């Protein structure tokens, strides 16, 4: 299992709720600062992270994402 933390920039209200609709996103919440929300995704392998990031980038109003992979 691989965990990805995806930072999302979007001026849209309730973007965190929209992120939860992506199947692999297990948790999301709004933040203050440079990014507006964080999505936590748990996937089977590294290759799936790109797919999740692309799904998030396709959400209306998402301007930018930055992805970090959890290292244990």
PDB file of N, CA and C in Angstrom:
ATOM      1  N   UNK A   1       0.851  -1.183   0.000  1.00  0.00           N
ATOM      2  CA  UNK A   1       0.000   0.000   0.000  1.00  0.00           C
ATOM      3  C   UNK A   1       0.893   1.241   0.000  1.00  0.00           C
ATOM      4  N   UNK A   2       0.545   2.194  -0.814  1.00  0.00           N
ATOM      5  CA  UNK A   2       1.281   3.447  -0.931  1.00  0.00           C
ATOM      6  C   UNK A   2       0.326   4.582  -0.577  1.00  0.00           C
ATOM      7  N   UNK A   3       0.791   5.515   0.229  1.00  0.00           N
ATOM      8  CA  UNK A   3      -0.024   6.668   0.605  1.00  0.00           C
ATOM      9  C   UNK A   3       0.524   7.909  -0.094  1.00  0.00           C
ATOM     10  N   UNK A   4      -0.373   8.657  -0.717  1.00  0.00           N
ATOM     11  CA  UNK A   4      -0.019   9.916  -1.363  1.00  0.00           C
ATOM     12  C   UNK A   4      -0.772  11.048  -0.690  1.00  0.00           C
ATOM     13  N   UNK A   5      -0.077  12.151  -0.506  1.00  0.00           N
ATOM     14  CA  UNK A   5      -0.691  13.360   0.021  1.00  0.00           C
ATOM     15  C   UNK A   5      -0.694  14.355  -1.133  1.00  0.00           C
ATOM     16  N   UNK A   6      -1.875  14.791  -1.519  1.00  0.00           N
ATOM     17  CA  UNK A   6      -2.000  15.676  -2.674  1.00  0.00           C
ATOM     18  C   UNK A   6      -2.534  17.018  -2.201  1.00  0.00           C
ATOM     19  N   UNK A   7      -1.724  18.050  -2.404  1.00  0.00           N
ATOM     20  CA  UNK A   7      -2.100  19.415  -2.055  1.00  0.00           C
ATOM     21  C   UNK A   7      -2.833  20.013  -3.248  1.00  0.00           C
ATOM     22  N   UNK A   8      -3.935  20.702  -2.992  1.00  0.00           N
ATOM     23  CA  UNK A   8      -4.789  21.200  -4.071  1.00  0.00           C
ATOM     24  C   UNK A   8      -5.031  22.691  -3.909  1.00  0.00           C
ATOM     25  N   UNK A   9      -4.834  23.398  -4.998  1.00  0.00           N
ATOM     26  CA  UNK A   9      -5.137  24.826  -5.020  1.00  0.00           C
ATOM     27  C   UNK A   9      -6.396  25.034  -5.854  1.00  0.00           C
ATOM     28  N   UNK A  10      -7.400  25.656  -5.239  1.00  0.00           N
ATOM     29  CA  UNK A  10      -8.666  25.898  -5.931  1.00  0.00           C
ATOM     30  C   UNK A  10      -9.431  27.000  -5.209  1.00  0.00           C
ATOM     31  N   UNK A  11      -9.936  27.979  -5.947  1.00  0.00           N
ATOM     32  CA  UNK A  11     -10.728  29.025  -5.307  1.00  0.00           C
ATOM     33  C   UNK A  11     -12.148  28.562  -4.985  1.00  0.00           C
ATOM     34  N   UNK A  12     -12.534  27.388  -5.448  1.00  0.00           N
ATOM     35  CA  UNK A  12     -13.889  26.887  -5.233  1.00  0.00           C
ATOM     36  C   UNK A  12     -14.121  26.532  -3.767  1.00  0.00           C
ATOM     37  N   UNK A  13     -15.259  26.914  -3.255  1.00  0.00           N
ATOM     38  CA  UNK A  13     -15.669  26.509  -1.919  1.00  0.00           C
ATOM     39  C   UNK A  13     -15.982  25.015  -1.948  1.00  0.00           C
ATOM     40  N   UNK A  14     -15.802  24.376  -0.845  1.00  0.00           N
ATOM     41  CA  UNK A  14     -16.133  22.963  -0.680  1.00  0.00           C
ATOM     42  C   UNK A  14     -15.322  22.035  -1.590  1.00  0.00           C
ATOM     43  N   UNK A  15     -14.131  22.456  -1.986  1.00  0.00           N
ATOM     44  CA  UNK A  15     -13.308  21.594  -2.844  1.00  0.00           C
ATOM     45  C   UNK A  15     -12.951  20.304  -2.122  1.00  0.00           C
ATOM     46  N   UNK A  16     -12.767  20.353  -0.803  1.00  0.00           N
ATOM     47  CA  UNK A  16     -12.414  19.140  -0.054  1.00  0.00           C
ATOM     48  C   UNK A  16     -13.505  18.082  -0.192  1.00  0.00           C
ATOM     49  N   UNK A  17     -14.758  18.497  -0.208  1.00  0.00           N
ATOM     50  CA  UNK A  17     -15.854  17.543  -0.378  1.00  0.00           C
ATOM     51  C   UNK A  17     -15.823  16.930  -1.775  1.00  0.00           C
ATOM     52  N   UNK A  18     -15.465  17.700  -2.760  1.00  0.00           N
ATOM     53  CA  UNK A  18     -15.370  17.171  -4.127  1.00  0.00           C
ATOM     54  C   UNK A  18     -14.227  16.164  -4.240  1.00  0.00           C
ATOM     55  N   UNK A  19     -13.149  16.404  -3.517  1.00  0.00           N
ATOM     56  CA  UNK A  19     -12.011  15.486  -3.559  1.00  0.00           C
ATOM     57  C   UNK A  19     -12.396  14.113  -3.029  1.00  0.00           C
ATOM     58  N   UNK A  20     -13.277  14.059  -2.057  1.00  0.00           N
ATOM     59  CA  UNK A  20     -13.690  12.784  -1.458  1.00  0.00           C
ATOM     60  C   UNK A  20     -14.440  11.890  -2.435  1.00  0.00           C
ATOM     61  N   UNK A  21     -14.905  12.450  -3.530  1.00  0.00           N
ATOM     62  CA  UNK A  21     -15.623  11.658  -4.524  1.00  0.00           C
ATOM     63  C   UNK A  21     -14.687  10.818  -5.391  1.00  0.00           C
ATOM     64  N   UNK A  22     -13.388  11.112  -5.348  1.00  0.00           N
ATOM     65  CA  UNK A  22     -12.409  10.292  -6.068  1.00  0.00           C
ATOM     66  C   UNK A  22     -12.231   9.000  -5.265  1.00  0.00           C
ATOM     67  N   UNK A  23     -12.388   7.877  -5.918  1.00  0.00           N
ATOM     68  CA  UNK A  23     -12.463   6.580  -5.234  1.00  0.00           C
ATOM     69  C   UNK A  23     -11.286   6.302  -4.297  1.00  0.00           C
ATOM     70  N   UNK A  24     -10.084   6.625  -4.680  1.00  0.00           N
ATOM     71  CA  UNK A  24      -8.917   6.282  -3.872  1.00  0.00           C
ATOM     72  C   UNK A  24      -8.632   7.294  -2.766  1.00  0.00           C
ATOM     73  N   UNK A  25      -9.336   8.409  -2.749  1.00  0.00           N
ATOM     74  CA  UNK A  25      -9.123   9.412  -1.701  1.00  0.00           C
ATOM     75  C   UNK A  25      -9.825   8.932  -0.434  1.00  0.00           C
ATOM     76  N   UNK A  26      -9.025   8.694   0.603  1.00  0.00           N
ATOM     77  CA  UNK A  26      -9.576   8.182   1.855  1.00  0.00           C
ATOM     78  C   UNK A  26      -9.923   9.293   2.836  1.00  0.00           C
ATOM     79  N   UNK A  27      -9.333  10.470   2.632  1.00  0.00           N
ATOM     80  CA  UNK A  27      -9.551  11.582   3.561  1.00  0.00           C
ATOM     81  C   UNK A  27      -9.190  12.868   2.857  1.00  0.00           C
ATOM     82  N   UNK A  28      -9.944  13.923   3.091  1.00  0.00           N
ATOM     83  CA  UNK A  28      -9.590  15.247   2.564  1.00  0.00           C
ATOM     84  C   UNK A  28     -10.106  16.307   3.519  1.00  0.00           C
ATOM     85  N   UNK A  29      -9.440  17.436   3.506  1.00  0.00           N
ATOM     86  CA  UNK A  29      -9.844  18.523   4.392  1.00  0.00           C
ATOM     87  C   UNK A  29      -9.346  19.850   3.828  1.00  0.00           C
ATOM     88  N   UNK A  30     -10.062  20.951   4.143  1.00  0.00           N
ATOM     89  CA  UNK A  30      -9.634  22.281   3.698  1.00  0.00           C
ATOM     90  C   UNK A  30      -8.461  22.764   4.536  1.00  0.00           C
ATOM     91  N   UNK A  31      -7.646  23.625   3.953  1.00  0.00           N
ATOM     92  CA  UNK A  31      -6.503  24.207   4.658  1.00  0.00           C
ATOM     93  C   UNK A  31      -6.414  25.693   4.343  1.00  0.00           C
ATOM     94  N   UNK A  32      -5.598  26.386   5.107  1.00  0.00           N
ATOM     95  CA  UNK A  32      -5.296  27.774   4.797  1.00  0.00           C
ATOM     96  C   UNK A  32      -3.848  27.827   4.327  1.00  0.00           C
ATOM     97  N   UNK A  33      -3.510  28.880   3.631  1.00  0.00           N
ATOM     98  CA  UNK A  33      -2.142  29.010   3.144  1.00  0.00           C
ATOM     99  C   UNK A  33      -2.084  28.910   1.640  1.00  0.00           C
ATOM    100  N   UNK A  34      -0.957  28.436   1.130  1.00  0.00           N
ATOM    101  CA  UNK A  34      -0.728  28.378  -0.315  1.00  0.00           C
ATOM    102  C   UNK A  34      -1.698  27.420  -1.014  1.00  0.00           C
ATOM    103  N   UNK A  35      -2.097  26.350  -0.340  1.00  0.00           N
ATOM    104  CA  UNK A  35      -3.034  25.386  -0.908  1.00  0.00           C
ATOM    105  C   UNK A  35      -4.351  25.454  -0.144  1.00  0.00           C
ATOM    106  N   UNK A  36      -5.428  25.073  -0.822  1.00  0.00           N
ATOM    107  CA  UNK A  36      -6.765  25.201  -0.253  1.00  0.00           C
ATOM    108  C   UNK A  36      -7.314  23.915   0.341  1.00  0.00           C
ATOM    109  N   UNK A  37      -6.730  22.783  -0.038  1.00  0.00           N
ATOM    110  CA  UNK A  37      -7.214  21.501   0.477  1.00  0.00           C
ATOM    111  C   UNK A  37      -6.111  20.463   0.374  1.00  0.00           C
ATOM    112  N   UNK A  38      -6.271  19.411   1.166  1.00  0.00           N
ATOM    113  CA  UNK A  38      -5.363  18.272   1.141  1.00  0.00           C
ATOM    114  C   UNK A  38      -6.197  17.017   0.917  1.00  0.00           C
ATOM    115  N   UNK A  39      -5.719  16.158   0.021  1.00  0.00           N
ATOM    116  CA  UNK A  39      -6.353  14.855  -0.199  1.00  0.00           C
ATOM    117  C   UNK A  39      -5.337  13.779   0.147  1.00  0.00           C
ATOM    118  N   UNK A  40      -5.774  12.786   0.894  1.00  0.00           N
ATOM    119  CA  UNK A  40      -4.932  11.646   1.219  1.00  0.00           C
ATOM    120  C   UNK A  40      -5.472  10.461   0.431  1.00  0.00           C
ATOM    121  N   UNK A  41      -4.605   9.847  -0.373  1.00  0.00           N
ATOM    122  CA  UNK A  41      -5.023   8.717  -1.204  1.00  0.00           C
ATOM    123  C   UNK A  41      -4.188   7.491  -0.867  1.00  0.00           C
ATOM    124  N   UNK A  42      -4.849   6.370  -0.715  1.00  0.00           N
ATOM    125  CA  UNK A  42      -4.170   5.095  -0.493  1.00  0.00           C
ATOM    126  C   UNK A  42      -4.367   4.237  -1.736  1.00  0.00           C
ATOM    127  N   UNK A  43      -3.248   3.845  -2.351  1.00  0.00           N
ATOM    128  CA  UNK A  43      -3.294   3.068  -3.595  1.00  0.00           C
ATOM    129  C   UNK A  43      -2.407   1.831  -3.465  1.00  0.00           C
ATOM    130  N   UNK A  44      -2.566   0.920  -4.400  1.00  0.00           N
ATOM    131  CA  UNK A  44      -1.814  -0.336  -4.368  1.00  0.00           C
ATOM    132  C   UNK A  44      -0.343  -0.165  -4.755  1.00  0.00           C
ATOM    133  N   UNK A  45      -0.072   0.697  -5.743  1.00  0.00           N
ATOM    134  CA  UNK A  45       1.319   0.865  -6.183  1.00  0.00           C
ATOM    135  C   UNK A  45       1.560   2.294  -6.663  1.00  0.00           C
ATOM    136  N   UNK A  46       2.824   2.635  -6.843  1.00  0.00           N
ATOM    137  CA  UNK A  46       3.202   4.002  -7.230  1.00  0.00           C
ATOM    138  C   UNK A  46       2.553   4.457  -8.531  1.00  0.00           C
ATOM    139  N   UNK A  47       2.386   3.551  -9.464  1.00  0.00           N
ATOM    140  CA  UNK A  47       1.803   3.909 -10.747  1.00  0.00           C
ATOM    141  C   UNK A  47       0.396   4.458 -10.647  1.00  0.00           C
ATOM    142  N   UNK A  48      -0.319   4.069  -9.629  1.00  0.00           N
ATOM    143  CA  UNK A  48      -1.709   4.522  -9.470  1.00  0.00           C
ATOM    144  C   UNK A  48      -1.804   5.963  -8.963  1.00  0.00           C
ATOM    145  N   UNK A  49      -0.733   6.465  -8.390  1.00  0.00           N
ATOM    146  CA  UNK A  49      -0.760   7.831  -7.856  1.00  0.00           C
ATOM    147  C   UNK A  49      -1.010   8.837  -8.972  1.00  0.00           C
ATOM    148  N   UNK A  50      -0.383   8.625 -10.099  1.00  0.00           N
ATOM    149  CA  UNK A  50      -0.578   9.542 -11.227  1.00  0.00           C
ATOM    150  C   UNK A  50      -2.040   9.556 -11.661  1.00  0.00           C
ATOM    151  N   UNK A  51      -2.677   8.389 -11.674  1.00  0.00           N
ATOM    152  CA  UNK A  51      -4.091   8.312 -12.060  1.00  0.00           C
ATOM    153  C   UNK A  51      -4.971   9.120 -11.106  1.00  0.00           C
ATOM    154  N   UNK A  52      -4.693   8.996  -9.811  1.00  0.00           N
ATOM    155  CA  UNK A  52      -5.466   9.748  -8.810  1.00  0.00           C
ATOM    156  C   UNK A  52      -5.246  11.251  -8.994  1.00  0.00           C
ATOM    157  N   UNK A  53      -3.986  11.654  -9.180  1.00  0.00           N
ATOM    158  CA  UNK A  53      -3.677  13.075  -9.378  1.00  0.00           C
ATOM    159  C   UNK A  53      -4.379  13.615 -10.621  1.00  0.00           C
ATOM    160  N   UNK A  54      -4.414  12.840 -11.682  1.00  0.00           N
ATOM    161  CA  UNK A  54      -5.092  13.274 -12.909  1.00  0.00           C
ATOM    162  C   UNK A  54      -6.603  13.423 -12.693  1.00  0.00           C
ATOM    163  N   UNK A  55      -7.197  12.515 -11.924  1.00  0.00           N
ATOM    164  CA  UNK A  55      -8.626  12.624 -11.613  1.00  0.00           C
ATOM    165  C   UNK A  55      -8.902  13.897 -10.818  1.00  0.00           C
ATOM    166  N   UNK A  56      -8.028  14.208  -9.883  1.00  0.00           N
ATOM    167  CA  UNK A  56      -8.203  15.420  -9.081  1.00  0.00           C
ATOM    168  C   UNK A  56      -8.025  16.659  -9.945  1.00  0.00           C
ATOM    169  N   UNK A  57      -7.039  16.653 -10.832  1.00  0.00           N
ATOM    170  CA  UNK A  57      -6.805  17.800 -11.709  1.00  0.00           C
ATOM    171  C   UNK A  57      -7.969  18.033 -12.670  1.00  0.00           C
ATOM    172  N   UNK A  58      -8.743  16.995 -12.941  1.00  0.00           N
ATOM    173  CA  UNK A  58      -9.894  17.121 -13.839  1.00  0.00           C
ATOM    174  C   UNK A  58     -11.122  17.717 -13.160  1.00  0.00           C
ATOM    175  N   UNK A  59     -11.094  17.860 -11.843  1.00  0.00           N
ATOM    176  CA  UNK A  59     -12.222  18.437 -11.118  1.00  0.00           C
ATOM    177  C   UNK A  59     -12.318  19.931 -11.441  1.00  0.00           C
ATOM    178  N   UNK A  60     -13.501  20.379 -11.754  1.00  0.00           N
ATOM    179  CA  UNK A  60     -13.719  21.779 -12.097  1.00  0.00           C
ATOM    180  C   UNK A  60     -13.237  22.694 -10.971  1.00  0.00           C
ATOM    181  N   UNK A  61     -12.414  23.664 -11.328  1.00  0.00           N
ATOM    182  CA  UNK A  61     -11.928  24.635 -10.360  1.00  0.00           C
ATOM    183  C   UNK A  61     -10.553  24.335  -9.797  1.00  0.00           C
ATOM    184  N   UNK A  62     -10.035  23.144 -10.010  1.00  0.00           N
ATOM    185  CA  UNK A  62      -8.691  22.824  -9.511  1.00  0.00           C
ATOM    186  C   UNK A  62      -7.674  23.532 -10.403  1.00  0.00           C
ATOM    187  N   UNK A  63      -6.859  24.369  -9.795  1.00  0.00           N
ATOM    188  CA  UNK A  63      -5.865  25.143 -10.540  1.00  0.00           C
ATOM    189  C   UNK A  63      -4.499  24.469 -10.553  1.00  0.00           C
ATOM    190  N   UNK A  64      -4.156  23.819  -9.438  1.00  0.00           N
ATOM    191  CA  UNK A  64      -2.812  23.271  -9.301  1.00  0.00           C
ATOM    192  C   UNK A  64      -2.817  22.188  -8.231  1.00  0.00           C
ATOM    193  N   UNK A  65      -1.957  21.189  -8.418  1.00  0.00           N
ATOM    194  CA  UNK A  65      -1.772  20.177  -7.382  1.00  0.00           C
ATOM    195  C   UNK A  65      -0.279  19.950  -7.171  1.00  0.00           C
ATOM    196  N   UNK A  66       0.030  19.460  -6.000  1.00  0.00           N
ATOM    197  CA  UNK A  66       1.397  19.024  -5.704  1.00  0.00           C
ATOM    198  C   UNK A  66       1.259  17.725  -4.915  1.00  0.00           C
ATOM    199  N   UNK A  67       1.973  16.703  -5.369  1.00  0.00           N
ATOM    200  CA  UNK A  67       1.829  15.370  -4.780  1.00  0.00           C
ATOM    201  C   UNK A  67       3.085  14.968  -4.027  1.00  0.00           C
ATOM    202  N   UNK A  68       2.881  14.424  -2.842  1.00  0.00           N
ATOM    203  CA  UNK A  68       3.972  13.881  -2.041  1.00  0.00           C
ATOM    204  C   UNK A  68       3.629  12.429  -1.741  1.00  0.00           C
ATOM    205  N   UNK A  69       4.651  11.577  -1.770  1.00  0.00           N
ATOM    206  CA  UNK A  69       4.460  10.161  -1.492  1.00  0.00           C
ATOM    207  C   UNK A  69       4.983   9.875  -0.099  1.00  0.00           C
ATOM    208  N   UNK A  70       4.168   9.184   0.690  1.00  0.00           N
ATOM    209  CA  UNK A  70       4.575   8.807   2.039  1.00  0.00           C
ATOM    210  C   UNK A  70       5.709   7.780   1.988  1.00  0.00           C
ATOM    211  N   UNK A  71       6.716   7.985   2.823  1.00  0.00           N
ATOM    212  CA  UNK A  71       7.854   7.081   2.883  1.00  0.00           C
ATOM    213  C   UNK A  71       7.933   6.502   4.286  1.00  0.00           C
ATOM    214  N   UNK A  72       7.951   5.198   4.372  1.00  0.00           N
ATOM    215  CA  UNK A  72       8.029   4.541   5.681  1.00  0.00           C
ATOM    216  C   UNK A  72       9.260   3.687   5.765  1.00  0.00           C
TER     217      UNK A  72
END
